[in-house]
Amino acid sequence: MRTDTAPPSVLIDAKTLARDYLSVSLATVWRMRADGKLPKPIRLTSQCLRWRRSDVESWLNAGFLPIATSDNNKKESVPE
């Protein structure tokens, strides 16, 4: 997980979420969002979603991590 001194109210995009916070592909982030397995994003425009950094970090600290399942090789979010 990313640890820096940016304010917790910073908004992060899907690419940053995938790369810096979850270490998954961008497609996996969109799949997780569609499945309701990510914190609720903020819609800035009809084509622009962002996540609050504080929401993502709270979600990760609560033990929700993307893990590969052996039966279908998809990522899903489950508590530790």
C-alpha atoms as a PDB file:
ATOM      1  CA  MET A   1       0.000   0.000   0.000  1.00  0.00           C
ATOM      2  CA  ARG A   2       1.136   3.499  -0.746  1.00  0.00           C
ATOM      3  CA  THR A   3       2.347   5.514   2.240  1.00  0.00           C
ATOM      4  CA  ASP A   4       3.102   9.176   1.722  1.00  0.00           C
ATOM      5  CA  THR A   5       2.223  12.531   3.212  1.00  0.00           C
ATOM      6  CA  ALA A   6      -0.595  13.516   0.813  1.00  0.00           C
ATOM      7  CA  PRO A   7      -3.706  14.790   2.597  1.00  0.00           C
ATOM      8  CA  PRO A   8      -6.342  12.099   3.219  1.00  0.00           C
ATOM      9  CA  SER A   9      -8.915  14.045   1.195  1.00  0.00           C
ATOM     10  CA  VAL A  10      -6.966  13.511  -2.027  1.00  0.00           C
ATOM     11  CA  LEU A  11      -8.962  11.921  -4.836  1.00  0.00           C
ATOM     12  CA  ILE A  12      -7.342   9.060  -6.727  1.00  0.00           C
ATOM     13  CA  ASP A  13      -8.173   7.718 -10.166  1.00  0.00           C
ATOM     14  CA  ALA A  14      -8.680   4.098 -11.188  1.00  0.00           C
ATOM     15  CA  LYS A  15      -5.184   3.766 -12.648  1.00  0.00           C
ATOM     16  CA  THR A  16      -3.568   4.958  -9.403  1.00  0.00           C
ATOM     17  CA  LEU A  17      -5.885   2.752  -7.363  1.00  0.00           C
ATOM     18  CA  ALA A  18      -4.946  -0.274  -9.456  1.00  0.00           C
ATOM     19  CA  ARG A  19      -1.208   0.383  -9.547  1.00  0.00           C
ATOM     20  CA  ASP A  20      -0.350   1.992  -6.201  1.00  0.00           C
ATOM     21  CA  TYR A  21      -2.935   0.609  -3.802  1.00  0.00           C
ATOM     22  CA  LEU A  22      -4.135  -2.773  -5.068  1.00  0.00           C
ATOM     23  CA  SER A  23      -1.402  -4.038  -7.425  1.00  0.00           C
ATOM     24  CA  VAL A  24      -3.998  -5.275  -9.897  1.00  0.00           C
ATOM     25  CA  SER A  25      -4.851  -4.439 -13.483  1.00  0.00           C
ATOM     26  CA  LEU A  26      -7.077  -1.545 -14.424  1.00  0.00           C
ATOM     27  CA  ALA A  27      -9.636  -4.029 -15.763  1.00  0.00           C
ATOM     28  CA  THR A  28      -9.737  -5.694 -12.348  1.00  0.00           C
ATOM     29  CA  VAL A  29     -10.489  -2.358 -10.671  1.00  0.00           C
ATOM     30  CA  TRP A  30     -13.458  -1.804 -13.017  1.00  0.00           C
ATOM     31  CA  ARG A  31     -14.647  -5.378 -12.446  1.00  0.00           C
ATOM     32  CA  MET A  32     -14.386  -4.964  -8.662  1.00  0.00           C
ATOM     33  CA  ARG A  33     -16.305  -1.695  -8.876  1.00  0.00           C
ATOM     34  CA  ALA A  34     -19.053  -3.309 -10.979  1.00  0.00           C
ATOM     35  CA  ASP A  35     -19.281  -6.135  -8.432  1.00  0.00           C
ATOM     36  CA  GLY A  36     -19.561  -3.658  -5.534  1.00  0.00           C
ATOM     37  CA  LYS A  37     -16.247  -4.762  -4.019  1.00  0.00           C
ATOM     38  CA  LEU A  38     -14.627  -1.332  -3.737  1.00  0.00           C
ATOM     39  CA  PRO A  39     -15.470   1.725  -1.673  1.00  0.00           C
ATOM     40  CA  LYS A  40     -18.035   3.957  -3.351  1.00  0.00           C
ATOM     41  CA  PRO A  41     -16.379   6.323  -5.847  1.00  0.00           C
ATOM     42  CA  ILE A  42     -17.228   9.969  -6.431  1.00  0.00           C
ATOM     43  CA  ARG A  43     -18.587  10.820  -9.881  1.00  0.00           C
ATOM     44  CA  LEU A  44     -17.041  14.107 -11.019  1.00  0.00           C
ATOM     45  CA  THR A  45     -18.556  13.986 -14.509  1.00  0.00           C
ATOM     46  CA  SER A  46     -20.431  11.374 -16.527  1.00  0.00           C
ATOM     47  CA  GLN A  47     -17.074   9.894 -17.593  1.00  0.00           C
ATOM     48  CA  CYS A  48     -14.917  10.598 -14.519  1.00  0.00           C
ATOM     49  CA  LEU A  49     -14.825   8.633 -11.259  1.00  0.00           C
ATOM     50  CA  ARG A  50     -12.458   9.135  -8.358  1.00  0.00           C
ATOM     51  CA  TRP A  51     -12.044   7.498  -4.954  1.00  0.00           C
ATOM     52  CA  ARG A  52     -11.289   9.325  -1.723  1.00  0.00           C
ATOM     53  CA  ARG A  53      -7.854   8.266  -0.571  1.00  0.00           C
ATOM     54  CA  SER A  54      -9.115   8.092   3.009  1.00  0.00           C
ATOM     55  CA  ASP A  55     -11.936   5.710   1.967  1.00  0.00           C
ATOM     56  CA  VAL A  56      -9.522   3.421   0.126  1.00  0.00           C
ATOM     57  CA  GLU A  57      -7.036   3.353   2.990  1.00  0.00           C
ATOM     58  CA  SER A  58      -9.783   2.685   5.554  1.00  0.00           C
ATOM     59  CA  TRP A  59     -11.115  -0.114   3.350  1.00  0.00           C
ATOM     60  CA  LEU A  60      -7.642  -1.669   3.039  1.00  0.00           C
ATOM     61  CA  ASN A  61      -6.935  -1.268   6.765  1.00  0.00           C
ATOM     62  CA  ALA A  62     -10.214  -3.060   7.513  1.00  0.00           C
ATOM     63  CA  GLY A  63      -8.755  -6.112   5.772  1.00  0.00           C
ATOM     64  CA  PHE A  64     -10.390  -5.951   2.357  1.00  0.00           C
ATOM     65  CA  LEU A  65      -7.815  -6.980  -0.201  1.00  0.00           C
ATOM     66  CA  PRO A  66      -8.081  -8.196  -3.777  1.00  0.00           C
ATOM     67  CA  ILE A  67      -7.144 -11.873  -3.955  1.00  0.00           C
ATOM     68  CA  ALA A  68      -7.139 -14.349  -6.818  1.00  0.00           C
ATOM     69  CA  THR A  69      -9.593 -17.194  -6.525  1.00  0.00           C
ATOM     70  CA  SER A  70      -8.420 -20.571  -7.709  1.00  0.00           C
ATOM     71  CA  ASP A  71     -11.686 -21.669  -9.331  1.00  0.00           C
ATOM     72  CA  ASN A  72     -12.223 -18.808 -11.787  1.00  0.00           C
ATOM     73  CA  ASN A  73      -8.959 -16.835 -11.650  1.00  0.00           C
ATOM     74  CA  LYS A  74     -10.856 -13.597 -11.015  1.00  0.00           C
ATOM     75  CA  LYS A  75     -10.021 -11.070  -8.341  1.00  0.00           C
ATOM     76  CA  GLU A  76     -12.399 -10.537  -5.494  1.00  0.00           C
ATOM     77  CA  SER A  77     -12.426  -8.578  -2.291  1.00  0.00           C
ATOM     78  CA  VAL A  78     -12.707 -10.520   0.939  1.00  0.00           C
ATOM     79  CA  PRO A  79     -11.835  -9.732   4.546  1.00  0.00           C
ATOM     80  CA  GLU A  80      -8.667 -11.328   5.900  1.00  0.00           C
END
